[in-house]
Protein backbone atom coordinates (compact mmCIF):
# COMPACT_ATOMS: atom_id res chain seq x y z
CA MET A 1 -0.09 -0.08 0.14
CA LEU A 2 1.49 3.30 -0.87
CA LYS A 3 2.20 5.70 1.72
CA GLU A 4 -0.66 8.64 1.72
CA GLY A 5 0.05 11.41 -0.86
CA VAL A 6 2.94 9.49 -2.91
CA ARG A 7 0.48 8.94 -5.95
CA GLU A 8 -0.59 12.80 -6.09
CA LYS A 9 3.12 13.91 -5.55
CA PHE A 10 4.54 11.15 -8.41
CA LEU A 11 1.69 12.39 -11.06
CA THR A 12 2.68 16.33 -10.30
CA ASN A 13 4.87 17.94 -13.01
CA THR A 14 5.72 14.99 -15.15
CA ASP A 15 6.86 17.09 -17.87
CA GLU A 16 9.71 17.71 -15.75
CA SER A 17 9.91 14.62 -13.76
CA GLY A 18 9.30 12.07 -16.68
CA ARG A 19 7.06 9.89 -14.10
CA PHE A 20 4.29 7.97 -15.26
CA VAL A 21 1.68 5.13 -14.23
CA VAL A 22 0.96 2.34 -16.18
CA HIS A 23 -2.08 0.28 -15.20
CA SER A 24 -3.05 -3.45 -16.46
CA PRO A 25 -6.78 -3.66 -17.35
CA ARG A 26 -5.74 -7.70 -17.35
CA THR A 27 -3.99 -8.16 -13.82
CA GLY A 28 -5.39 -4.92 -12.05
CA ARG A 29 -1.65 -4.06 -11.21
CA SER A 30 -0.23 -0.57 -11.40
CA TYR A 31 3.31 0.03 -12.51
CA TYR A 32 4.87 3.36 -11.69
CA ILE A 33 8.02 4.32 -13.90
CA GLU A 34 10.69 6.98 -13.16
CA PRO A 35 13.13 7.84 -15.70
CA ILE A 36 16.68 8.31 -13.71
CA GLY A 37 19.38 10.02 -15.26
CA ASP A 38 20.43 13.15 -17.47
CA SER A 39 17.79 12.99 -20.63
CA HIS A 40 19.92 15.84 -22.41
CA ILE A 41 21.54 14.07 -25.13
CA LYS A 42 22.39 15.61 -28.30
CA TRP A 43 19.38 15.60 -30.52
CA GLY A 44 18.61 17.64 -33.64
CA SER A 45 19.47 18.14 -37.47
CA VAL A 46 22.81 18.74 -39.11
CA ASP A 47 22.77 21.84 -40.96
CA PRO A 48 24.25 21.03 -44.10
CA SER A 49 26.24 24.19 -44.73
CA SER A 50 27.73 24.64 -41.19
CA LYS A 51 27.67 20.70 -40.40
CA GLY A 52 26.58 21.98 -37.04
CA LEU A 53 23.85 20.64 -34.87
CA MET A 54 20.71 22.60 -34.84
CA VAL A 55 18.19 22.27 -32.46
CA LYS A 56 14.29 23.25 -32.13
CA LYS A 57 13.26 26.01 -29.89
CA GLY A 58 12.17 24.73 -26.42
CA TRP A 59 15.39 21.94 -26.38
CA LYS A 60 16.10 21.13 -22.75
CA LYS A 61 13.07 22.99 -21.47
CA HIS A 62 11.86 19.71 -19.93
CA THR A 63 14.40 17.29 -18.69
CA GLY A 64 11.98 14.60 -18.48
CA SER A 65 13.82 12.45 -15.96
CA ILE A 66 14.96 12.79 -12.26
CA SER A 67 18.13 12.13 -10.33
CA GLU A 68 18.50 8.78 -8.24
CA LYS A 69 17.94 10.84 -5.02
CA GLU A 70 14.80 12.52 -6.13
CA SER A 71 13.24 8.99 -6.62
CA LEU A 72 9.77 8.57 -4.90
CA ILE A 73 9.96 4.61 -5.71
CA THR A 74 11.26 3.32 -2.27
CA GLU A 75 10.13 0.62 0.07
CA GLU A 76 9.83 3.81 2.61
CA ASN A 77 6.96 5.18 0.46
CA GLY A 78 5.00 1.56 0.12
CA PHE A 79 6.59 0.34 -3.32
CA GLU A 80 7.07 -3.56 -3.58
CA ASN A 81 9.33 -5.42 -6.10
CA ILE A 82 10.91 -2.55 -7.27
CA ARG A 83 13.38 -2.93 -10.30
CA THR A 84 15.69 -1.04 -11.95
CA PHE A 85 16.63 -1.43 -15.89
CA GLU A 86 19.50 -0.74 -18.03
CA PRO A 87 19.37 2.24 -20.14
CA GLY A 88 17.92 1.31 -23.56
CA LEU A 89 15.31 -1.02 -22.34
CA SER A 90 11.80 0.05 -22.79
CA PRO A 91 9.88 0.17 -19.59
CA LEU A 92 6.75 -0.86 -21.57
CA LYS A 93 8.18 -3.90 -22.65
CA ALA A 94 9.41 -4.91 -19.33
CA ILE A 95 6.06 -3.96 -17.88
CA GLU A 96 4.51 -6.39 -20.47
CA PHE A 97 7.08 -9.19 -19.53
CA ILE A 98 6.25 -8.83 -15.79
CA ASP A 99 2.56 -8.58 -15.88
CA ASP A 100 2.53 -11.89 -18.05
CA GLN A 101 3.73 -13.86 -14.83
CA TYR A 102 0.31 -12.85 -12.90
CA PRO A 103 -2.90 -14.38 -13.77
CA ASP A 104 -5.85 -12.63 -14.93
CA VAL A 105 -8.21 -10.80 -12.33
CA ASN A 106 -11.41 -12.19 -14.08
């Protein structure tokens, strides 16, 4: 059982934190996701004349991730079966695999 107020805090300012929740209608389970690390990698288009990287207006406006010390996913906050994945692994694919281990709620 999550500690009171954790869900509301978790879903506040999600553009900045990158946090989101996936609910499985098949099992009734909810999966809380927090991207951890610096999301500001160099994305953009290469300018053919200068060969430099061009980025769009608003780049770096939102981080979309948090630092490890900002994590709300802790046992103290009521989370169980906490897992950390390597960079590059889709959390949605991991949730699909994990959720397949549980029986249907119907």
